[in-house]
């Protein structure tokens, strides 16, 4: 059987939504990049004298990788205030990520919960666009089904 060509997906139109103190999911504006939440499983060595000189492993505890997103930094903006408030609350809150599923405009929506761990603000330099990075820890993340683009 011949290998089938798989078209790459151009990132464009992705979205990040965080929950405000009032419980409202709010879109983060100025999103430039996002690291999709990923689940990883540790490996635990389980080698014994009967392993034939080859290490043996068991799956260990699972964990979500650190979540990161980069956005345009605009002090005083609604997005800036949302992130600052969420970070300072130290609360785990609902989140939503919308990713492009294919180059035809289809999307995949993921929902979960996140604790924000950091809001790394930029060094401000003359003549540059200032970006900030938010970092968080996802507790759970459920990726939905591929949704076809809305008819025009």
N, C-alpha and C. Protein backbone atom coordinates (compact mmCIF):
# COMPACT_ATOMS: atom_id res chain seq x y z
N UNK A 1 0.85 -1.18 0.00
CA UNK A 1 0.00 0.00 0.00
C UNK A 1 0.89 1.23 0.00
N UNK A 2 0.63 2.14 -0.92
CA UNK A 2 1.42 3.37 -1.04
C UNK A 2 1.05 4.34 0.08
N UNK A 3 2.05 5.11 0.51
CA UNK A 3 1.78 6.13 1.52
C UNK A 3 0.89 7.21 0.93
N UNK A 4 -0.06 7.63 1.72
CA UNK A 4 -0.98 8.68 1.30
C UNK A 4 -0.43 10.03 1.73
N UNK A 5 -0.48 11.02 0.85
CA UNK A 5 -0.01 12.36 1.17
C UNK A 5 -0.94 12.99 2.19
N UNK A 6 -0.37 13.60 3.22
CA UNK A 6 -1.15 14.29 4.24
C UNK A 6 -0.78 15.76 4.19
N UNK A 7 -1.77 16.59 3.93
CA UNK A 7 -1.53 18.03 3.84
C UNK A 7 -1.34 18.62 5.23
N UNK A 8 -0.33 19.46 5.38
CA UNK A 8 -0.12 20.17 6.64
C UNK A 8 -1.22 21.20 6.85
N UNK A 9 -1.35 21.67 8.07
CA UNK A 9 -2.35 22.68 8.40
C UNK A 9 -1.64 23.98 8.74
N UNK A 10 -2.00 25.05 8.05
CA UNK A 10 -1.42 26.35 8.30
C UNK A 10 -2.13 26.98 9.50
N UNK A 11 -1.36 27.33 10.52
CA UNK A 11 -1.95 27.96 11.71
C UNK A 11 -2.47 29.34 11.36
N UNK A 12 -3.74 29.55 11.59
CA UNK A 12 -4.36 30.85 11.32
C UNK A 12 -5.76 30.83 11.93
N UNK A 13 -6.06 31.79 12.75
CA UNK A 13 -7.39 31.88 13.33
C UNK A 13 -7.57 31.09 14.60
N UNK A 14 -6.47 30.57 15.19
CA UNK A 14 -6.59 29.87 16.46
C UNK A 14 -7.07 30.84 17.54
N UNK A 15 -7.72 30.30 18.56
CA UNK A 15 -8.26 31.15 19.63
C UNK A 15 -7.94 30.54 20.99
N UNK A 16 -7.79 31.42 21.98
CA UNK A 16 -7.66 31.03 23.38
C UNK A 16 -8.70 31.82 24.16
N UNK A 17 -9.44 31.11 25.00
CA UNK A 17 -10.47 31.72 25.84
C UNK A 17 -10.16 31.39 27.29
N UNK A 18 -10.14 32.40 28.15
CA UNK A 18 -9.95 32.22 29.59
C UNK A 18 -11.20 32.70 30.31
N UNK A 19 -11.38 32.23 31.52
CA UNK A 19 -12.56 32.59 32.29
C UNK A 19 -12.26 33.77 33.21
N UNK A 20 -13.13 34.75 33.17
CA UNK A 20 -12.99 35.93 34.02
C UNK A 20 -13.47 35.62 35.43
N UNK A 21 -13.30 36.58 36.33
CA UNK A 21 -13.72 36.40 37.72
C UNK A 21 -15.23 36.25 37.84
N UNK A 22 -15.97 36.67 36.81
CA UNK A 22 -17.43 36.54 36.83
C UNK A 22 -17.89 35.20 36.25
N UNK A 23 -16.93 34.36 35.81
CA UNK A 23 -17.28 33.05 35.26
C UNK A 23 -17.57 33.06 33.77
N UNK A 24 -17.26 34.18 33.10
CA UNK A 24 -17.52 34.31 31.67
C UNK A 24 -16.29 33.93 30.86
N UNK A 25 -16.43 33.00 29.91
CA UNK A 25 -15.33 32.69 29.00
C UNK A 25 -15.11 33.91 28.10
N UNK A 26 -13.86 34.39 28.07
CA UNK A 26 -13.53 35.61 27.36
C UNK A 26 -12.37 35.34 26.41
N UNK A 27 -12.50 35.77 25.16
CA UNK A 27 -11.47 35.54 24.16
C UNK A 27 -10.24 36.41 24.44
N UNK A 28 -9.06 35.77 24.40
CA UNK A 28 -7.80 36.48 24.54
C UNK A 28 -7.48 37.11 23.19
N UNK A 29 -7.36 38.42 23.17
CA UNK A 29 -7.10 39.14 21.92
C UNK A 29 -5.59 39.26 21.68
N UNK A 30 -5.21 39.34 20.41
CA UNK A 30 -3.81 39.52 20.04
C UNK A 30 -2.98 38.26 20.13
N UNK A 31 -3.63 37.10 20.08
CA UNK A 31 -2.92 35.82 20.18
C UNK A 31 -2.00 35.64 18.98
N UNK A 32 -0.73 35.33 19.25
CA UNK A 32 0.25 35.14 18.17
C UNK A 32 0.70 33.69 18.04
N UNK A 33 0.76 32.98 19.16
CA UNK A 33 1.12 31.56 19.10
C UNK A 33 0.53 30.87 20.32
N UNK A 34 0.34 29.56 20.15
CA UNK A 34 -0.25 28.77 21.23
C UNK A 34 0.34 27.37 21.16
N UNK A 35 0.69 26.83 22.33
CA UNK A 35 1.16 25.45 22.40
C UNK A 35 -0.02 24.62 22.89
N UNK A 36 -0.50 23.79 22.01
CA UNK A 36 -1.66 22.97 22.32
C UNK A 36 -1.38 22.07 23.52
N UNK A 37 -2.33 21.95 24.46
CA UNK A 37 -2.11 21.07 25.62
C UNK A 37 -1.83 19.63 25.17
N UNK A 38 -0.85 19.01 25.80
CA UNK A 38 -0.45 17.64 25.47
C UNK A 38 -0.35 16.83 26.75
N UNK A 39 -0.75 15.57 26.66
CA UNK A 39 -0.69 14.66 27.81
C UNK A 39 0.53 13.77 27.66
N UNK A 40 1.29 13.62 28.74
CA UNK A 40 2.49 12.79 28.73
C UNK A 40 2.39 11.77 29.87
N UNK A 41 2.96 10.60 29.65
CA UNK A 41 2.98 9.56 30.68
C UNK A 41 4.44 9.26 31.02
N UNK A 42 4.74 9.28 32.32
CA UNK A 42 6.09 8.93 32.78
C UNK A 42 6.31 7.44 32.58
N UNK A 43 7.58 7.08 32.48
CA UNK A 43 7.90 5.66 32.47
C UNK A 43 8.59 5.31 33.78
N UNK A 44 8.22 4.17 34.34
CA UNK A 44 8.81 3.70 35.58
C UNK A 44 9.58 2.42 35.29
N UNK A 45 10.84 2.43 35.65
CA UNK A 45 11.64 1.24 35.40
C UNK A 45 11.16 0.08 36.29
N UNK A 46 11.04 -1.11 35.67
CA UNK A 46 10.54 -2.30 36.36
C UNK A 46 11.45 -3.50 36.08
N UNK A 47 12.75 -3.22 35.95
CA UNK A 47 13.71 -4.28 35.62
C UNK A 47 13.97 -5.16 36.84
N UNK A 48 14.06 -6.46 36.59
CA UNK A 48 14.44 -7.38 37.66
C UNK A 48 15.48 -8.37 37.11
N UNK A 49 15.88 -9.29 37.93
CA UNK A 49 16.93 -10.24 37.53
C UNK A 49 16.50 -11.15 36.39
N UNK A 50 15.21 -11.26 36.14
CA UNK A 50 14.73 -12.12 35.06
C UNK A 50 14.45 -11.36 33.77
N UNK A 51 14.93 -10.13 33.66
CA UNK A 51 14.65 -9.31 32.48
C UNK A 51 15.59 -9.56 31.32
N UNK A 52 16.50 -10.52 31.47
CA UNK A 52 17.39 -10.88 30.37
C UNK A 52 18.36 -9.80 29.98
N UNK A 53 18.74 -8.95 30.92
CA UNK A 53 19.72 -7.90 30.63
C UNK A 53 19.14 -6.71 29.88
N UNK A 54 17.82 -6.67 29.78
CA UNK A 54 17.15 -5.56 29.08
C UNK A 54 16.23 -4.86 30.07
N UNK A 55 16.32 -3.56 30.14
CA UNK A 55 15.46 -2.82 31.06
C UNK A 55 13.99 -2.98 30.65
N UNK A 56 13.14 -3.06 31.66
CA UNK A 56 11.70 -3.17 31.45
C UNK A 56 11.04 -1.92 32.05
N UNK A 57 9.92 -1.51 31.46
CA UNK A 57 9.25 -0.29 31.92
C UNK A 57 7.75 -0.50 32.05
N UNK A 58 7.16 0.27 32.97
CA UNK A 58 5.71 0.34 33.15
C UNK A 58 5.29 1.79 32.95
N UNK A 59 4.06 1.99 32.51
CA UNK A 59 3.58 3.38 32.45
C UNK A 59 3.41 3.90 33.87
N UNK A 60 3.86 5.14 34.10
CA UNK A 60 3.74 5.76 35.41
C UNK A 60 2.59 6.76 35.42
N UNK A 61 2.76 7.79 36.21
CA UNK A 61 1.74 8.82 36.32
C UNK A 61 1.69 9.67 35.06
N UNK A 62 0.51 10.12 34.73
CA UNK A 62 0.33 11.01 33.60
C UNK A 62 0.28 12.45 34.06
N UNK A 63 0.59 13.37 33.15
CA UNK A 63 0.56 14.79 33.47
C UNK A 63 0.39 15.57 32.17
N UNK A 64 -0.21 16.73 32.30
CA UNK A 64 -0.33 17.63 31.17
C UNK A 64 0.92 18.48 31.08
N UNK A 65 1.43 18.70 29.87
CA UNK A 65 2.60 19.55 29.68
C UNK A 65 2.24 20.99 30.04
N UNK A 66 3.26 21.79 30.27
CA UNK A 66 3.04 23.20 30.56
C UNK A 66 2.45 23.86 29.32
N UNK A 67 1.41 24.65 29.54
CA UNK A 67 0.72 25.34 28.46
C UNK A 67 1.35 26.71 28.27
N UNK A 68 1.57 27.10 27.01
CA UNK A 68 2.09 28.44 26.73
C UNK A 68 1.37 29.07 25.56
N UNK A 69 1.24 30.39 25.64
CA UNK A 69 0.70 31.17 24.53
C UNK A 69 1.41 32.52 24.52
N UNK A 70 1.66 33.03 23.32
CA UNK A 70 2.28 34.34 23.16
C UNK A 70 1.24 35.28 22.57
N UNK A 71 1.21 36.50 23.09
CA UNK A 71 0.23 37.47 22.61
C UNK A 71 0.85 38.86 22.58
N UNK A 72 0.21 39.74 21.82
CA UNK A 72 0.63 41.13 21.79
C UNK A 72 0.38 41.73 23.17
N UNK A 73 1.38 42.40 23.71
CA UNK A 73 1.27 42.97 25.05
C UNK A 73 0.71 44.39 24.97
N UNK A 74 -0.47 44.56 25.57
CA UNK A 74 -1.11 45.88 25.60
C UNK A 74 -1.53 46.17 27.03
N UNK A 75 -0.65 46.83 27.82
CA UNK A 75 -1.00 47.15 29.20
C UNK A 75 -2.33 47.92 29.27
N UNK A 76 -3.15 47.55 30.23
CA UNK A 76 -4.43 48.23 30.41
C UNK A 76 -5.56 47.71 29.55
N UNK A 77 -5.26 46.83 28.57
CA UNK A 77 -6.31 46.30 27.70
C UNK A 77 -7.15 45.29 28.48
N UNK A 78 -8.31 44.96 27.93
CA UNK A 78 -9.19 43.98 28.57
C UNK A 78 -8.49 42.63 28.70
N UNK A 79 -7.70 42.23 27.69
CA UNK A 79 -6.97 40.96 27.75
C UNK A 79 -5.93 41.00 28.86
N UNK A 80 -5.19 42.09 28.95
CA UNK A 80 -4.17 42.24 29.99
C UNK A 80 -4.80 42.13 31.38
N UNK A 81 -5.91 42.81 31.59
CA UNK A 81 -6.58 42.79 32.88
C UNK A 81 -7.13 41.40 33.20
N UNK A 82 -7.67 40.71 32.19
CA UNK A 82 -8.17 39.34 32.37
C UNK A 82 -7.05 38.41 32.84
N UNK A 83 -5.91 38.47 32.16
CA UNK A 83 -4.79 37.59 32.50
C UNK A 83 -4.25 37.92 33.89
N UNK A 84 -4.06 39.19 34.18
CA UNK A 84 -3.56 39.61 35.49
C UNK A 84 -4.48 39.11 36.61
N UNK A 85 -5.78 39.31 36.44
CA UNK A 85 -6.75 38.92 37.47
C UNK A 85 -6.75 37.40 37.65
N UNK A 86 -6.74 36.65 36.54
CA UNK A 86 -6.74 35.19 36.61
C UNK A 86 -5.48 34.70 37.32
N UNK A 87 -4.33 35.24 36.94
CA UNK A 87 -3.07 34.85 37.54
C UNK A 87 -3.07 35.11 39.04
N UNK A 88 -3.47 36.30 39.45
CA UNK A 88 -3.44 36.68 40.87
C UNK A 88 -4.46 35.90 41.71
N UNK A 89 -5.51 35.41 41.07
CA UNK A 89 -6.53 34.66 41.81
C UNK A 89 -6.01 33.30 42.28
N UNK A 90 -5.02 32.75 41.56
CA UNK A 90 -4.48 31.41 41.83
C UNK A 90 -5.56 30.34 41.72
N UNK A 91 -6.59 30.61 40.94
CA UNK A 91 -7.70 29.67 40.78
C UNK A 91 -7.54 28.84 39.52
N UNK A 92 -8.05 27.62 39.59
CA UNK A 92 -8.17 26.79 38.40
C UNK A 92 -9.52 27.14 37.79
N UNK A 93 -9.49 27.55 36.52
CA UNK A 93 -10.71 28.01 35.87
C UNK A 93 -10.87 27.35 34.50
N UNK A 94 -12.12 27.31 34.00
CA UNK A 94 -12.36 26.78 32.66
C UNK A 94 -11.61 27.58 31.59
N UNK A 95 -11.22 26.88 30.55
CA UNK A 95 -10.56 27.48 29.39
C UNK A 95 -11.06 26.80 28.13
N UNK A 96 -10.81 27.45 27.00
CA UNK A 96 -11.19 26.86 25.71
C UNK A 96 -10.12 27.24 24.70
N UNK A 97 -9.78 26.29 23.84
CA UNK A 97 -8.85 26.50 22.75
C UNK A 97 -9.56 26.10 21.46
N UNK A 98 -9.49 26.95 20.45
CA UNK A 98 -10.05 26.63 19.14
C UNK A 98 -8.89 26.58 18.16
N UNK A 99 -8.71 25.43 17.53
CA UNK A 99 -7.60 25.21 16.60
C UNK A 99 -8.13 24.95 15.20
N UNK A 100 -7.37 25.35 14.22
CA UNK A 100 -7.71 25.06 12.84
C UNK A 100 -7.51 23.57 12.59
N UNK A 101 -8.53 22.91 12.06
CA UNK A 101 -8.46 21.48 11.83
C UNK A 101 -7.93 21.10 10.47
N UNK A 102 -8.18 21.94 9.48
CA UNK A 102 -7.72 21.72 8.11
C UNK A 102 -7.67 23.07 7.43
N UNK A 103 -7.16 23.11 6.22
CA UNK A 103 -7.02 24.38 5.51
C UNK A 103 -8.33 24.85 4.86
N UNK A 104 -9.43 24.15 5.14
CA UNK A 104 -10.73 24.52 4.59
C UNK A 104 -11.56 25.35 5.57
N UNK A 105 -10.96 25.72 6.72
CA UNK A 105 -11.68 26.51 7.71
C UNK A 105 -12.32 25.69 8.81
N UNK A 106 -12.19 24.37 8.75
CA UNK A 106 -12.75 23.54 9.81
C UNK A 106 -11.94 23.75 11.10
N UNK A 107 -12.56 23.52 12.24
CA UNK A 107 -11.91 23.74 13.52
C UNK A 107 -12.13 22.57 14.47
N UNK A 108 -11.30 22.54 15.49
CA UNK A 108 -11.43 21.60 16.59
C UNK A 108 -11.41 22.45 17.87
N UNK A 109 -12.41 22.23 18.73
CA UNK A 109 -12.50 22.99 19.96
C UNK A 109 -12.15 22.10 21.14
N UNK A 110 -11.24 22.57 21.97
CA UNK A 110 -10.86 21.84 23.17
C UNK A 110 -11.24 22.64 24.40
N UNK A 111 -11.72 21.95 25.42
CA UNK A 111 -12.09 22.61 26.66
C UNK A 111 -11.38 21.93 27.82
N UNK A 112 -11.15 22.68 28.86
CA UNK A 112 -10.49 22.14 30.03
C UNK A 112 -10.45 23.14 31.15
N UNK A 113 -9.51 22.92 32.05
CA UNK A 113 -9.30 23.81 33.19
C UNK A 113 -7.82 24.15 33.25
N UNK A 114 -7.53 25.40 33.66
CA UNK A 114 -6.14 25.85 33.70
C UNK A 114 -5.89 26.71 34.93
N UNK A 115 -4.69 26.56 35.49
CA UNK A 115 -4.17 27.48 36.49
C UNK A 115 -3.09 28.27 35.78
N UNK A 116 -3.19 29.59 35.80
CA UNK A 116 -2.12 30.39 35.21
C UNK A 116 -0.96 30.47 36.19
N UNK A 117 0.25 30.24 35.67
CA UNK A 117 1.45 30.22 36.49
C UNK A 117 2.35 31.43 36.26
N UNK A 118 2.20 32.06 35.11
CA UNK A 118 3.07 33.19 34.81
C UNK A 118 2.55 34.05 33.68
N UNK A 119 2.91 35.30 33.72
CA UNK A 119 2.60 36.28 32.67
C UNK A 119 3.89 37.05 32.45
N UNK A 120 4.72 36.54 31.54
CA UNK A 120 6.04 37.09 31.29
C UNK A 120 5.93 38.27 30.33
N UNK A 121 6.07 39.46 30.88
CA UNK A 121 5.92 40.68 30.10
C UNK A 121 7.23 41.01 29.41
N UNK A 122 7.18 41.74 28.31
CA UNK A 122 8.36 41.96 27.49
C UNK A 122 9.30 43.03 28.03
N UNK A 123 10.53 42.96 27.56
CA UNK A 123 11.44 44.09 27.66
C UNK A 123 11.00 45.03 26.54
N UNK A 124 10.74 46.24 26.88
CA UNK A 124 10.22 47.18 25.88
C UNK A 124 11.38 47.84 25.16
N UNK A 125 11.42 47.67 23.85
CA UNK A 125 12.49 48.22 23.03
C UNK A 125 11.91 49.14 21.97
N UNK A 126 12.63 50.20 21.67
CA UNK A 126 12.18 51.17 20.67
C UNK A 126 12.01 50.47 19.32
N UNK A 127 10.88 50.71 18.69
CA UNK A 127 10.65 50.21 17.34
C UNK A 127 10.25 48.75 17.24
N UNK A 128 9.90 48.11 18.35
CA UNK A 128 9.52 46.71 18.29
C UNK A 128 8.09 46.52 18.79
N UNK A 129 7.46 45.46 18.30
CA UNK A 129 6.16 45.06 18.83
C UNK A 129 6.44 44.27 20.10
N UNK A 130 5.73 44.57 21.15
CA UNK A 130 5.98 43.93 22.43
C UNK A 130 5.04 42.76 22.63
N UNK A 131 5.64 41.59 22.84
CA UNK A 131 4.88 40.36 23.07
C UNK A 131 5.05 39.92 24.52
N UNK A 132 4.04 39.26 25.05
CA UNK A 132 4.09 38.67 26.38
C UNK A 132 3.76 37.19 26.25
N UNK A 133 4.20 36.40 27.21
CA UNK A 133 3.94 34.96 27.21
C UNK A 133 3.20 34.60 28.49
N UNK A 134 2.09 33.87 28.32
CA UNK A 134 1.40 33.34 29.49
C UNK A 134 1.72 31.85 29.59
N UNK A 135 1.88 31.39 30.81
CA UNK A 135 2.19 30.00 31.08
C UNK A 135 1.17 29.47 32.07
N UNK A 136 0.74 28.25 31.87
CA UNK A 136 -0.23 27.66 32.78
C UNK A 136 -0.09 26.15 32.86
N UNK A 137 -0.83 25.59 33.79
CA UNK A 137 -0.87 24.14 33.95
C UNK A 137 -2.30 23.70 33.73
N UNK A 138 -2.50 22.86 32.74
CA UNK A 138 -3.82 22.35 32.41
C UNK A 138 -4.11 21.16 33.32
N UNK A 139 -5.30 21.10 33.88
CA UNK A 139 -5.68 19.96 34.72
C UNK A 139 -6.31 18.87 33.87
N UNK A 140 -7.18 19.26 33.01
CA UNK A 140 -7.80 18.31 32.07
C UNK A 140 -8.02 19.05 30.77
N UNK A 141 -8.10 18.29 29.70
CA UNK A 141 -8.32 18.91 28.39
C UNK A 141 -9.02 17.88 27.52
N UNK A 142 -10.19 18.25 27.04
CA UNK A 142 -10.98 17.37 26.19
C UNK A 142 -11.10 17.99 24.81
N UNK A 143 -10.55 17.30 23.82
CA UNK A 143 -10.59 17.80 22.45
C UNK A 143 -11.86 17.31 21.77
N UNK A 144 -12.58 18.24 21.19
CA UNK A 144 -13.84 17.91 20.52
C UNK A 144 -13.62 17.37 19.12
N UNK A 145 -14.72 17.18 18.41
CA UNK A 145 -14.69 16.67 17.05
C UNK A 145 -14.39 17.79 16.06
N UNK A 146 -13.95 17.41 14.89
CA UNK A 146 -13.73 18.34 13.79
C UNK A 146 -15.06 18.94 13.37
N UNK A 147 -15.12 20.27 13.30
CA UNK A 147 -16.34 20.98 12.92
C UNK A 147 -16.13 21.63 11.56
N UNK A 148 -17.04 21.40 10.64
CA UNK A 148 -16.95 21.98 9.30
C UNK A 148 -17.08 23.49 9.37
N UNK A 149 -16.50 24.20 8.40
CA UNK A 149 -16.61 25.66 8.40
C UNK A 149 -18.07 26.08 8.20
N UNK A 150 -18.41 27.23 8.76
CA UNK A 150 -19.78 27.77 8.60
C UNK A 150 -20.00 28.15 7.14
N UNK A 151 -21.19 27.87 6.64
CA UNK A 151 -21.53 28.23 5.26
C UNK A 151 -21.65 29.74 5.16
N UNK A 152 -21.12 30.28 4.09
CA UNK A 152 -21.13 31.75 3.90
C UNK A 152 -22.46 32.24 3.38
